Amino acid sequence: GFAWYTRTFPTYQTVYGTLATIPIFLVWLYLSWLVTLLGAQLTYTMGRYSKGWLQQKNSDQHTQLIPTLHVLKSLWLAQQTGKSLSLEAISEQTGITVATTGLILEQLYNEKIVARDENNHWLLTRDLDDLSLWDLYRLNHWTWVNDENSDDALILELRPYLFSVAEGLQKQLSISLAELFNNCDDEKPMLLA
């Protein structure tokens, strides 16, 4: 590579004479490192893109409300006996994969609904009497149009309909999670089909 470069660009030879090898070598070194760094950047970017795509693909299940309810019910039942649960135990009780259970728990952790104890087991940090189904639903769903100052014609036209739907949904989902779990007949969460 370097010998070809020195043969191809003889103009340095006429300007610099015998010292032409030094600037030619420095330009070659610059181009070599430029290619190396661009390759490293491309490799890093592809890895990040691939990882993000897999996380998005795997997050489809964790954004569902029912699996999240099963995880919360499992933790709520453990709380009734004063225990915390490992990730594997929650996964086994609910019938949800360990990966999906982990994603659900991380989202609940970010919302300060669950925490880890010193044994790296999971437990509830909020009273489920104060957390409604509507609150949980909003964690995983799109937000309604809140921008009162928007002059977008579509938003202005949709706003009354969306607020009406949101209000109705909020009324229907206002039951607390503790009340919901108390109304269930079974002693443990139902296994998902």
N, C-alpha and C. Protein backbone atom coordinates (compact mmCIF):
# COMPACT_ATOMS: atom_id res chain seq x y z
N GLY A 1 0.78 -1.18 0.00
CA GLY A 1 0.00 0.00 0.00
C GLY A 1 0.83 1.26 0.00
N PHE A 2 1.84 1.37 0.88
CA PHE A 2 2.63 2.59 0.99
C PHE A 2 3.52 2.78 -0.23
N ALA A 3 4.11 1.68 -0.75
CA ALA A 3 4.97 1.76 -1.94
C ALA A 3 4.14 2.22 -3.14
N TRP A 4 2.93 1.70 -3.28
CA TRP A 4 2.05 2.14 -4.39
C TRP A 4 1.76 3.63 -4.26
N TYR A 5 1.51 4.08 -3.06
CA TYR A 5 1.18 5.48 -2.82
C TYR A 5 2.36 6.39 -3.22
N THR A 6 3.59 5.98 -2.86
CA THR A 6 4.76 6.81 -3.20
C THR A 6 5.03 6.83 -4.69
N ARG A 7 4.73 5.72 -5.39
CA ARG A 7 4.92 5.68 -6.84
C ARG A 7 3.85 6.51 -7.55
N THR A 8 2.63 6.53 -7.02
CA THR A 8 1.51 7.20 -7.67
C THR A 8 1.58 8.71 -7.54
N PHE A 9 2.12 9.22 -6.47
CA PHE A 9 2.16 10.66 -6.22
C PHE A 9 3.61 11.18 -6.22
N PRO A 10 4.22 11.26 -7.41
CA PRO A 10 5.63 11.70 -7.50
C PRO A 10 5.82 13.20 -7.37
N THR A 11 4.72 13.99 -7.29
CA THR A 11 4.87 15.44 -7.19
C THR A 11 5.58 15.85 -5.91
N TYR A 12 5.46 15.08 -4.87
CA TYR A 12 6.18 15.38 -3.63
C TYR A 12 7.69 15.30 -3.87
N GLN A 13 8.10 14.39 -4.73
CA GLN A 13 9.52 14.19 -5.03
C GLN A 13 10.11 15.45 -5.65
N THR A 14 9.37 16.10 -6.54
CA THR A 14 9.90 17.30 -7.18
C THR A 14 9.93 18.49 -6.22
N VAL A 15 8.97 18.58 -5.30
CA VAL A 15 8.92 19.71 -4.37
C VAL A 15 9.90 19.53 -3.22
N TYR A 16 9.91 18.36 -2.62
CA TYR A 16 10.69 18.14 -1.39
C TYR A 16 12.01 17.41 -1.62
N GLY A 17 12.19 16.85 -2.77
CA GLY A 17 13.44 16.13 -3.06
C GLY A 17 13.50 14.84 -2.28
N THR A 18 14.66 14.58 -1.68
CA THR A 18 14.85 13.32 -0.96
C THR A 18 14.04 13.27 0.33
N LEU A 19 13.63 14.43 0.86
CA LEU A 19 12.83 14.45 2.09
C LEU A 19 11.34 14.20 1.81
N ALA A 20 10.96 13.92 0.59
CA ALA A 20 9.56 13.71 0.23
C ALA A 20 8.94 12.52 0.94
N THR A 21 9.74 11.59 1.36
CA THR A 21 9.22 10.39 2.03
C THR A 21 8.50 10.74 3.33
N ILE A 22 8.96 11.75 4.04
CA ILE A 22 8.37 12.10 5.34
C ILE A 22 6.94 12.61 5.18
N PRO A 23 6.65 13.64 4.36
CA PRO A 23 5.25 14.06 4.24
C PRO A 23 4.36 12.99 3.60
N ILE A 24 4.95 12.22 2.65
CA ILE A 24 4.15 11.15 2.05
C ILE A 24 3.79 10.11 3.11
N PHE A 25 4.73 9.76 3.97
CA PHE A 25 4.46 8.80 5.04
C PHE A 25 3.41 9.34 6.01
N LEU A 26 3.48 10.63 6.35
CA LEU A 26 2.51 11.21 7.27
C LEU A 26 1.11 11.24 6.67
N VAL A 27 1.00 11.56 5.39
CA VAL A 27 -0.30 11.53 4.73
C VAL A 27 -0.83 10.09 4.69
N TRP A 28 0.04 9.13 4.40
CA TRP A 28 -0.36 7.72 4.39
C TRP A 28 -0.83 7.28 5.78
N LEU A 29 -0.11 7.69 6.79
CA LEU A 29 -0.48 7.34 8.16
C LEU A 29 -1.85 7.94 8.51
N TYR A 30 -2.07 9.18 8.11
CA TYR A 30 -3.35 9.84 8.35
C TYR A 30 -4.50 9.08 7.68
N LEU A 31 -4.32 8.75 6.40
CA LEU A 31 -5.37 8.02 5.67
C LEU A 31 -5.62 6.64 6.26
N SER A 32 -4.56 5.96 6.67
CA SER A 32 -4.72 4.62 7.28
C SER A 32 -5.54 4.69 8.56
N TRP A 33 -5.21 5.67 9.42
CA TRP A 33 -5.95 5.80 10.67
C TRP A 33 -7.38 6.28 10.44
N LEU A 34 -7.56 7.10 9.42
CA LEU A 34 -8.90 7.55 9.08
C LEU A 34 -9.79 6.36 8.70
N VAL A 35 -9.28 5.47 7.89
CA VAL A 35 -10.03 4.26 7.51
C VAL A 35 -10.27 3.38 8.74
N THR A 36 -9.27 3.22 9.58
CA THR A 36 -9.41 2.39 10.78
C THR A 36 -10.48 2.97 11.72
N LEU A 37 -10.42 4.27 11.95
CA LEU A 37 -11.40 4.89 12.85
C LEU A 37 -12.81 4.88 12.27
N LEU A 38 -12.93 5.09 10.97
CA LEU A 38 -14.26 5.00 10.35
C LEU A 38 -14.82 3.58 10.45
N GLY A 39 -13.97 2.58 10.28
CA GLY A 39 -14.42 1.20 10.44
C GLY A 39 -14.86 0.91 11.86
N ALA A 40 -14.10 1.42 12.83
CA ALA A 40 -14.47 1.23 14.24
C ALA A 40 -15.81 1.92 14.54
N GLN A 41 -15.98 3.13 14.03
CA GLN A 41 -17.23 3.86 14.25
C GLN A 41 -18.41 3.12 13.61
N LEU A 42 -18.20 2.61 12.41
CA LEU A 42 -19.25 1.86 11.72
C LEU A 42 -19.62 0.60 12.50
N THR A 43 -18.61 -0.11 13.00
CA THR A 43 -18.86 -1.32 13.79
C THR A 43 -19.64 -0.99 15.06
N TYR A 44 -19.25 0.06 15.75
CA TYR A 44 -19.93 0.48 16.97
C TYR A 44 -21.38 0.86 16.67
N THR A 45 -21.58 1.63 15.62
CA THR A 45 -22.93 2.08 15.27
C THR A 45 -23.82 0.90 14.90
N MET A 46 -23.30 -0.04 14.17
CA MET A 46 -24.09 -1.21 13.79
C MET A 46 -24.47 -2.02 15.04
N GLY A 47 -23.55 -2.13 15.98
CA GLY A 47 -23.85 -2.85 17.23
C GLY A 47 -24.93 -2.15 18.03
N ARG A 48 -24.85 -0.84 18.12
CA ARG A 48 -25.87 -0.09 18.86
C ARG A 48 -27.22 -0.17 18.17
N TYR A 49 -27.21 -0.08 16.85
CA TYR A 49 -28.46 -0.17 16.09
C TYR A 49 -29.09 -1.54 16.27
N SER A 50 -28.28 -2.57 16.17
CA SER A 50 -28.79 -3.94 16.32
C SER A 50 -29.34 -4.15 17.72
N LYS A 51 -28.62 -3.69 18.74
CA LYS A 51 -29.07 -3.84 20.13
C LYS A 51 -30.38 -3.09 20.35
N GLY A 52 -30.48 -1.87 19.84
CA GLY A 52 -31.70 -1.09 19.98
C GLY A 52 -32.88 -1.74 19.29
N TRP A 53 -32.62 -2.33 18.13
CA TRP A 53 -33.68 -3.00 17.39
C TRP A 53 -34.16 -4.23 18.16
N LEU A 54 -33.24 -4.99 18.74
CA LEU A 54 -33.64 -6.16 19.52
C LEU A 54 -34.40 -5.75 20.77
N GLN A 55 -33.97 -4.67 21.43
CA GLN A 55 -34.69 -4.22 22.63
C GLN A 55 -36.10 -3.76 22.25
N GLN A 56 -36.22 -3.07 21.13
CA GLN A 56 -37.55 -2.63 20.70
C GLN A 56 -38.42 -3.83 20.35
N LYS A 57 -37.82 -4.84 19.70
CA LYS A 57 -38.57 -6.03 19.34
C LYS A 57 -39.02 -6.78 20.60
N ASN A 58 -38.11 -6.87 21.59
CA ASN A 58 -38.45 -7.58 22.82
C ASN A 58 -39.38 -6.78 23.72
N SER A 59 -39.45 -5.46 23.53
CA SER A 59 -40.27 -4.64 24.40
C SER A 59 -41.75 -4.71 24.04
N ASP A 60 -42.09 -5.36 22.92
CA ASP A 60 -43.48 -5.45 22.53
C ASP A 60 -44.31 -6.12 23.62
N GLN A 61 -43.76 -7.19 24.24
CA GLN A 61 -44.50 -7.89 25.27
C GLN A 61 -44.57 -7.10 26.57
N HIS A 62 -43.48 -6.40 26.90
CA HIS A 62 -43.47 -5.74 28.21
C HIS A 62 -44.37 -4.52 28.24
N THR A 63 -44.77 -4.02 27.10
CA THR A 63 -45.67 -2.88 27.12
C THR A 63 -47.13 -3.31 27.23
N GLN A 64 -47.37 -4.60 27.25
CA GLN A 64 -48.74 -5.07 27.41
C GLN A 64 -49.14 -4.96 28.87
N LEU A 65 -50.37 -4.62 29.08
CA LEU A 65 -50.87 -4.38 30.43
C LEU A 65 -51.01 -5.67 31.24
N ILE A 66 -51.52 -6.72 30.63
CA ILE A 66 -51.80 -7.96 31.37
C ILE A 66 -50.53 -8.59 31.95
N PRO A 67 -49.44 -8.75 31.18
CA PRO A 67 -48.23 -9.29 31.82
C PRO A 67 -47.73 -8.43 32.98
N THR A 68 -47.85 -7.12 32.85
CA THR A 68 -47.43 -6.23 33.94
C THR A 68 -48.30 -6.45 35.17
N LEU A 69 -49.60 -6.65 34.97
CA LEU A 69 -50.49 -6.94 36.09
C LEU A 69 -50.13 -8.26 36.76
N HIS A 70 -49.78 -9.27 35.98
CA HIS A 70 -49.39 -10.56 36.56
C HIS A 70 -48.13 -10.41 37.42
N VAL A 71 -47.17 -9.64 36.95
CA VAL A 71 -45.95 -9.42 37.73
C VAL A 71 -46.29 -8.68 39.02
N LEU A 72 -47.10 -7.65 38.93
CA LEU A 72 -47.48 -6.89 40.13
C LEU A 72 -48.27 -7.75 41.11
N LYS A 73 -49.15 -8.61 40.59
CA LYS A 73 -49.92 -9.46 41.49
C LYS A 73 -49.02 -10.45 42.22
N SER A 74 -48.04 -10.99 41.50
CA SER A 74 -47.09 -11.90 42.13
C SER A 74 -46.32 -11.20 43.25
N LEU A 75 -45.89 -9.97 43.00
CA LEU A 75 -45.19 -9.21 44.04
C LEU A 75 -46.11 -8.82 45.19
N TRP A 76 -47.36 -8.53 44.87
CA TRP A 76 -48.35 -8.16 45.90
C TRP A 76 -48.62 -9.35 46.82
N LEU A 77 -48.77 -10.54 46.25
CA LEU A 77 -48.98 -11.74 47.06
C LEU A 77 -47.77 -12.02 47.95
N ALA A 78 -46.57 -11.81 47.41
CA ALA A 78 -45.36 -12.01 48.22
C ALA A 78 -45.30 -10.98 49.34
N GLN A 79 -45.73 -9.78 49.06
CA GLN A 79 -45.73 -8.72 50.07
C GLN A 79 -46.68 -9.07 51.22
N GLN A 80 -47.80 -9.74 50.91
CA GLN A 80 -48.76 -10.12 51.95
C GLN A 80 -48.12 -11.06 52.98
N THR A 81 -47.12 -11.83 52.54
CA THR A 81 -46.43 -12.75 53.45
C THR A 81 -45.09 -12.20 53.93
N GLY A 82 -44.78 -10.95 53.55
CA GLY A 82 -43.53 -10.33 53.99
C GLY A 82 -42.30 -10.81 53.24
N LYS A 83 -42.47 -11.28 52.03
CA LYS A 83 -41.34 -11.80 51.26
C LYS A 83 -41.08 -10.95 50.03
N SER A 84 -39.88 -11.11 49.50
CA SER A 84 -39.54 -10.54 48.21
C SER A 84 -39.26 -11.72 47.27
N LEU A 85 -39.27 -11.47 45.97
CA LEU A 85 -39.14 -12.55 44.99
C LEU A 85 -37.99 -12.29 44.03
N SER A 86 -37.33 -13.37 43.65
CA SER A 86 -36.28 -13.25 42.63
C SER A 86 -36.93 -13.13 41.26
N LEU A 87 -36.16 -12.69 40.31
CA LEU A 87 -36.64 -12.57 38.93
C LEU A 87 -37.14 -13.92 38.42
N GLU A 88 -36.40 -14.95 38.71
CA GLU A 88 -36.77 -16.29 38.24
C GLU A 88 -38.07 -16.77 38.90
N ALA A 89 -38.24 -16.47 40.18
CA ALA A 89 -39.46 -16.88 40.88
C ALA A 89 -40.69 -16.17 40.29
N ILE A 90 -40.54 -14.87 39.99
CA ILE A 90 -41.65 -14.13 39.40
C ILE A 90 -41.97 -14.71 38.03
N SER A 91 -40.94 -14.98 37.26
CA SER A 91 -41.13 -15.55 35.92
C SER A 91 -41.83 -16.90 36.00
N GLU A 92 -41.43 -17.72 36.95
CA GLU A 92 -42.04 -19.05 37.11
C GLU A 92 -43.50 -18.93 37.55
N GLN A 93 -43.79 -18.04 38.48
CA GLN A 93 -45.16 -17.88 38.98
C GLN A 93 -46.10 -17.33 37.92
N THR A 94 -45.60 -16.43 37.09
CA THR A 94 -46.47 -15.77 36.13
C THR A 94 -46.53 -16.47 34.78
N GLY A 95 -45.53 -17.30 34.48
CA GLY A 95 -45.48 -17.94 33.18
C GLY A 95 -44.95 -17.02 32.09
N ILE A 96 -44.36 -15.92 32.47
CA ILE A 96 -43.76 -14.97 31.52
C ILE A 96 -42.27 -15.27 31.46
N THR A 97 -41.68 -15.12 30.28
CA THR A 97 -40.25 -15.41 30.14
C THR A 97 -39.43 -14.52 31.07
N VAL A 98 -38.25 -15.00 31.42
CA VAL A 98 -37.36 -14.25 32.30
C VAL A 98 -36.99 -12.90 31.66
N ALA A 99 -36.72 -12.91 30.36
CA ALA A 99 -36.35 -11.66 29.68
C ALA A 99 -37.47 -10.64 29.74
N THR A 100 -38.69 -11.06 29.45
CA THR A 100 -39.83 -10.14 29.47
C THR A 100 -40.12 -9.68 30.90
N THR A 101 -40.03 -10.59 31.85
CA THR A 101 -40.23 -10.23 33.26
C THR A 101 -39.20 -9.19 33.68
N GLY A 102 -37.96 -9.37 33.25
CA GLY A 102 -36.92 -8.40 33.56
C GLY A 102 -37.22 -7.02 32.99
N LEU A 103 -37.72 -6.99 31.76
CA LEU A 103 -38.09 -5.71 31.14
C LEU A 103 -39.23 -5.04 31.89
N ILE A 104 -40.21 -5.83 32.29
CA ILE A 104 -41.35 -5.28 33.05
C ILE A 104 -40.86 -4.71 34.37
N LEU A 105 -40.02 -5.47 35.07
CA LEU A 105 -39.52 -5.02 36.37
C LEU A 105 -38.66 -3.76 36.24
N GLU A 106 -37.87 -3.68 35.19
CA GLU A 106 -37.06 -2.47 34.98
C GLU A 106 -37.95 -1.25 34.76
N GLN A 107 -39.01 -1.43 33.99
CA GLN A 107 -39.92 -0.30 33.77
C GLN A 107 -40.61 0.09 35.08
N LEU A 108 -41.06 -0.89 35.84
CA LEU A 108 -41.69 -0.59 37.13
C LEU A 108 -40.69 0.03 38.09
N TYR A 109 -39.44 -0.39 38.03
CA TYR A 109 -38.38 0.18 38.86
C TYR A 109 -38.17 1.65 38.49
N ASN A 110 -38.13 1.95 37.20
CA ASN A 110 -37.95 3.33 36.74
C ASN A 110 -39.10 4.22 37.19
N GLU A 111 -40.28 3.64 37.35
CA GLU A 111 -41.45 4.39 37.81
C GLU A 111 -41.58 4.37 39.33
N LYS A 112 -40.59 3.78 40.00
CA LYS A 112 -40.53 3.71 41.47
C LYS A 112 -41.72 2.95 42.07
N ILE A 113 -42.14 1.90 41.38
CA ILE A 113 -43.21 1.04 41.89
C ILE A 113 -42.61 -0.19 42.57
N VAL A 114 -41.47 -0.64 42.10
CA VAL A 114 -40.77 -1.77 42.70
C VAL A 114 -39.32 -1.38 42.97
N ALA A 115 -38.65 -2.18 43.80
CA ALA A 115 -37.23 -1.96 44.11
C ALA A 115 -36.59 -3.32 44.37
N ARG A 116 -35.29 -3.32 44.46
CA ARG A 116 -34.54 -4.53 44.79
C ARG A 116 -34.07 -4.45 46.24
N ASP A 117 -34.07 -5.60 46.90
CA ASP A 117 -33.55 -5.64 48.26
C ASP A 117 -32.08 -6.05 48.24
N GLU A 118 -31.50 -6.27 49.41
CA GLU A 118 -30.08 -6.60 49.49
C GLU A 118 -29.74 -7.95 48.85
N ASN A 119 -30.73 -8.82 48.67
CA ASN A 119 -30.51 -10.12 48.02
C ASN A 119 -30.79 -10.06 46.51
N ASN A 120 -30.98 -8.86 45.99
CA ASN A 120 -31.32 -8.65 44.58
C ASN A 120 -32.68 -9.24 44.22
N HIS A 121 -33.55 -9.35 45.22
CA HIS A 121 -34.93 -9.78 44.99
C HIS A 121 -35.81 -8.55 44.84
N TRP A 122 -36.95 -8.74 44.22
CA TRP A 122 -37.85 -7.63 43.93
C TRP A 122 -38.97 -7.52 44.95
N LEU A 123 -39.38 -6.29 45.26
CA LEU A 123 -40.49 -6.05 46.17
C LEU A 123 -41.19 -4.76 45.79
N LEU A 124 -42.43 -4.62 46.24
CA LEU A 124 -43.20 -3.42 45.94
C LEU A 124 -42.73 -2.27 46.82
N THR A 125 -42.73 -1.06 46.27
CA THR A 125 -42.37 0.12 47.06
C THR A 125 -43.56 1.06 47.21
N ARG A 126 -44.64 0.77 46.52
CA ARG A 126 -45.83 1.62 46.61
C ARG A 126 -47.02 0.79 47.07
N ASP A 127 -47.89 1.44 47.78
CA ASP A 127 -49.12 0.79 48.22
C ASP A 127 -50.05 0.68 47.02
N LEU A 128 -50.47 -0.54 46.71
CA LEU A 128 -51.31 -0.74 45.53
C LEU A 128 -52.73 -0.22 45.74
N ASP A 129 -53.08 0.18 46.97
CA ASP A 129 -54.35 0.86 47.20
C ASP A 129 -54.32 2.26 46.58
N ASP A 130 -53.11 2.81 46.43
CA ASP A 130 -52.95 4.16 45.88
C ASP A 130 -52.58 4.16 44.40
N LEU A 131 -52.43 3.00 43.81
CA LEU A 131 -52.05 2.90 42.40
C LEU A 131 -53.22 2.29 41.64
N SER A 132 -53.80 3.07 40.73
CA SER A 132 -54.98 2.56 40.01
C SER A 132 -54.56 1.89 38.71
N LEU A 133 -55.50 1.18 38.15
CA LEU A 133 -55.29 0.55 36.86
C LEU A 133 -55.03 1.62 35.79
N TRP A 134 -55.68 2.77 35.94
CA TRP A 134 -55.46 3.89 35.02
C TRP A 134 -54.01 4.37 35.08
N ASP A 135 -53.45 4.47 36.30
CA ASP A 135 -52.05 4.88 36.46
C ASP A 135 -51.12 3.91 35.74
N LEU A 136 -51.38 2.64 35.92
CA LEU A 136 -50.56 1.62 35.29
C LEU A 136 -50.71 1.65 33.77
N TYR A 137 -51.92 1.86 33.31
CA TYR A 137 -52.19 1.94 31.87
C TYR A 137 -51.41 3.10 31.24
N ARG A 138 -51.36 4.22 31.91
CA ARG A 138 -50.66 5.39 31.37
C ARG A 138 -49.16 5.19 31.30
N LEU A 139 -48.60 4.30 32.11
CA LEU A 139 -47.16 4.05 32.06
C LEU A 139 -46.75 3.43 30.73
N ASN A 140 -47.63 2.68 30.12
CA ASN A 140 -47.28 1.90 28.93
C ASN A 140 -47.97 2.37 27.67
N HIS A 141 -48.60 3.49 27.68
CA HIS A 141 -49.41 3.86 26.53
C HIS A 141 -49.03 5.25 26.06
N TRP A 142 -49.48 5.61 24.89
CA TRP A 142 -49.22 6.94 24.37
C TRP A 142 -49.96 7.97 25.22
N THR A 143 -49.49 9.19 25.11
CA THR A 143 -50.17 10.25 25.86
C THR A 143 -51.20 10.91 24.96
N TRP A 144 -52.24 11.43 25.57
CA TRP A 144 -53.25 12.16 24.83
C TRP A 144 -52.73 13.55 24.55
N VAL A 145 -53.39 14.27 23.69
CA VAL A 145 -52.95 15.61 23.29
C VAL A 145 -53.07 16.53 24.50
N ASN A 146 -51.94 17.04 24.97
CA ASN A 146 -51.94 17.91 26.14
C ASN A 146 -51.59 19.35 25.80
N ASP A 147 -51.15 19.59 24.59
CA ASP A 147 -50.68 20.92 24.21
C ASP A 147 -51.85 21.86 23.96
N GLU A 148 -52.18 22.65 24.95
CA GLU A 148 -53.31 23.58 24.84
C GLU A 148 -53.02 24.71 23.86
N ASN A 149 -51.74 25.01 23.64
CA ASN A 149 -51.36 26.15 22.81
C ASN A 149 -51.12 25.77 21.35
N SER A 150 -51.37 24.55 20.98
CA SER A 150 -51.09 24.11 19.62
C SER A 150 -52.07 24.75 18.65
N ASP A 151 -51.55 25.13 17.49
CA ASP A 151 -52.41 25.68 16.44
C ASP A 151 -52.53 24.71 15.27
N ASP A 152 -52.09 23.45 15.48
CA ASP A 152 -52.23 22.41 14.45
C ASP A 152 -53.72 22.11 14.26
N ALA A 153 -54.19 22.21 13.04
CA ALA A 153 -55.63 22.03 12.76
C ALA A 153 -56.10 20.63 13.13
N LEU A 154 -55.27 19.61 12.87
CA LEU A 154 -55.68 18.24 13.20
C LEU A 154 -55.80 18.06 14.71
N ILE A 155 -54.86 18.60 15.46
CA ILE A 155 -54.93 18.50 16.93
C ILE A 155 -56.15 19.25 17.45
N LEU A 156 -56.40 20.43 16.89
CA LEU A 156 -57.57 21.19 17.33
C LEU A 156 -58.87 20.45 17.05
N GLU A 157 -58.92 19.73 15.95
CA GLU A 157 -60.12 18.97 15.59
C GLU A 157 -60.26 17.71 16.46
N LEU A 158 -59.14 17.06 16.74
CA LEU A 158 -59.18 15.80 17.50
C LEU A 158 -59.29 15.99 19.00
N ARG A 159 -58.83 17.12 19.52
CA ARG A 159 -58.75 17.32 20.97
C ARG A 159 -60.04 16.96 21.72
N PRO A 160 -61.23 17.42 21.32
CA PRO A 160 -62.44 17.08 22.08
C PRO A 160 -62.72 15.57 22.10
N TYR A 161 -62.44 14.90 20.99
CA TYR A 161 -62.69 13.46 20.92
C TYR A 161 -61.71 12.69 21.80
N LEU A 162 -60.45 13.09 21.74
CA LEU A 162 -59.44 12.39 22.53
C LEU A 162 -59.64 12.60 24.02
N PHE A 163 -59.99 13.81 24.41
CA PHE A 163 -60.24 14.06 25.83
C PHE A 163 -61.46 13.28 26.31
N SER A 164 -62.46 13.18 25.48
CA SER A 164 -63.66 12.42 25.83
C SER A 164 -63.32 10.95 26.04
N VAL A 165 -62.54 10.39 25.13
CA VAL A 165 -62.13 8.99 25.25
C VAL A 165 -61.26 8.80 26.50
N ALA A 166 -60.33 9.72 26.72
CA ALA A 166 -59.44 9.61 27.89
C ALA A 166 -60.21 9.68 29.19
N GLU A 167 -61.18 10.57 29.28
CA GLU A 167 -61.98 10.70 30.50
C GLU A 167 -62.79 9.43 30.76
N GLY A 168 -63.40 8.88 29.70
CA GLY A 168 -64.16 7.64 29.86
C GLY A 168 -63.27 6.48 30.29
N LEU A 169 -62.11 6.39 29.67
CA LEU A 169 -61.17 5.33 30.01
C LEU A 169 -60.66 5.49 31.44
N GLN A 170 -60.40 6.71 31.84
CA GLN A 170 -59.92 6.95 33.20
C GLN A 170 -60.98 6.54 34.23
N LYS A 171 -62.24 6.83 33.95
CA LYS A 171 -63.31 6.44 34.87
C LYS A 171 -63.41 4.92 34.97
N GLN A 172 -63.29 4.24 33.85
CA GLN A 172 -63.40 2.78 33.82
C GLN A 172 -62.22 2.10 34.50
N LEU A 173 -61.05 2.70 34.44
CA LEU A 173 -59.84 2.09 34.98
C LEU A 173 -59.43 2.68 36.33
N SER A 174 -60.34 3.32 37.04
CA SER A 174 -59.99 3.98 38.30
C SER A 174 -59.88 3.02 39.49
N ILE A 175 -60.13 1.74 39.31
CA ILE A 175 -60.02 0.77 40.39
C ILE A 175 -58.57 0.64 40.83
N SER A 176 -58.35 0.54 42.13
CA SER A 176 -56.98 0.38 42.61
C SER A 176 -56.52 -1.06 42.34
N LEU A 177 -55.23 -1.23 42.20
CA LEU A 177 -54.70 -2.57 41.92
C LEU A 177 -54.94 -3.52 43.09
N ALA A 178 -54.85 -3.01 44.32
CA ALA A 178 -55.12 -3.87 45.48
C ALA A 178 -56.55 -4.38 45.45
N GLU A 179 -57.49 -3.51 45.11
CA GLU A 179 -58.89 -3.92 45.01
C GLU A 179 -59.08 -4.94 43.89
N LEU A 180 -58.41 -4.71 42.77
CA LEU A 180 -58.48 -5.65 41.65
C LEU A 180 -57.95 -7.01 42.06
N PHE A 181 -56.80 -7.04 42.72
CA PHE A 181 -56.21 -8.32 43.12
C PHE A 181 -57.02 -8.99 44.22
N ASN A 182 -57.62 -8.22 45.11
CA ASN A 182 -58.48 -8.79 46.15
C ASN A 182 -59.72 -9.45 45.56
N ASN A 183 -60.21 -8.91 44.44
CA ASN A 183 -61.40 -9.46 43.80
C ASN A 183 -61.13 -10.74 43.02
N CYS A 184 -59.86 -11.03 42.76
CA CYS A 184 -59.53 -12.26 42.04
C CYS A 184 -59.74 -13.45 42.96
N ASP A 185 -60.27 -14.55 42.40
CA ASP A 185 -60.57 -15.73 43.19
C ASP A 185 -59.34 -16.57 43.50
N ASP A 186 -58.36 -16.57 42.59
CA ASP A 186 -57.22 -17.48 42.76
C ASP A 186 -56.21 -16.92 43.75
N GLU A 187 -55.42 -17.82 44.31
CA GLU A 187 -54.41 -17.46 45.30
C GLU A 187 -53.11 -16.99 44.65
N LYS A 188 -52.91 -17.34 43.40
CA LYS A 188 -51.69 -16.93 42.71
C LYS A 188 -52.07 -16.42 41.33
N PRO A 189 -51.16 -15.70 40.67
CA PRO A 189 -51.47 -15.18 39.36
C PRO A 189 -51.78 -16.29 38.36
N MET A 190 -52.70 -16.00 37.46
CA MET A 190 -53.02 -16.96 36.41
C MET A 190 -51.84 -17.08 35.46
N LEU A 191 -51.60 -18.28 34.96
CA LEU A 191 -50.56 -18.46 33.98
C LEU A 191 -51.06 -17.93 32.65
N LEU A 192 -50.16 -17.25 31.93
CA LEU A 192 -50.53 -16.73 30.62
C LEU A 192 -50.54 -17.83 29.60
N ALA A 193 -51.48 -17.78 28.69
CA ALA A 193 -51.54 -18.80 27.66
C ALA A 193 -50.49 -18.55 26.61
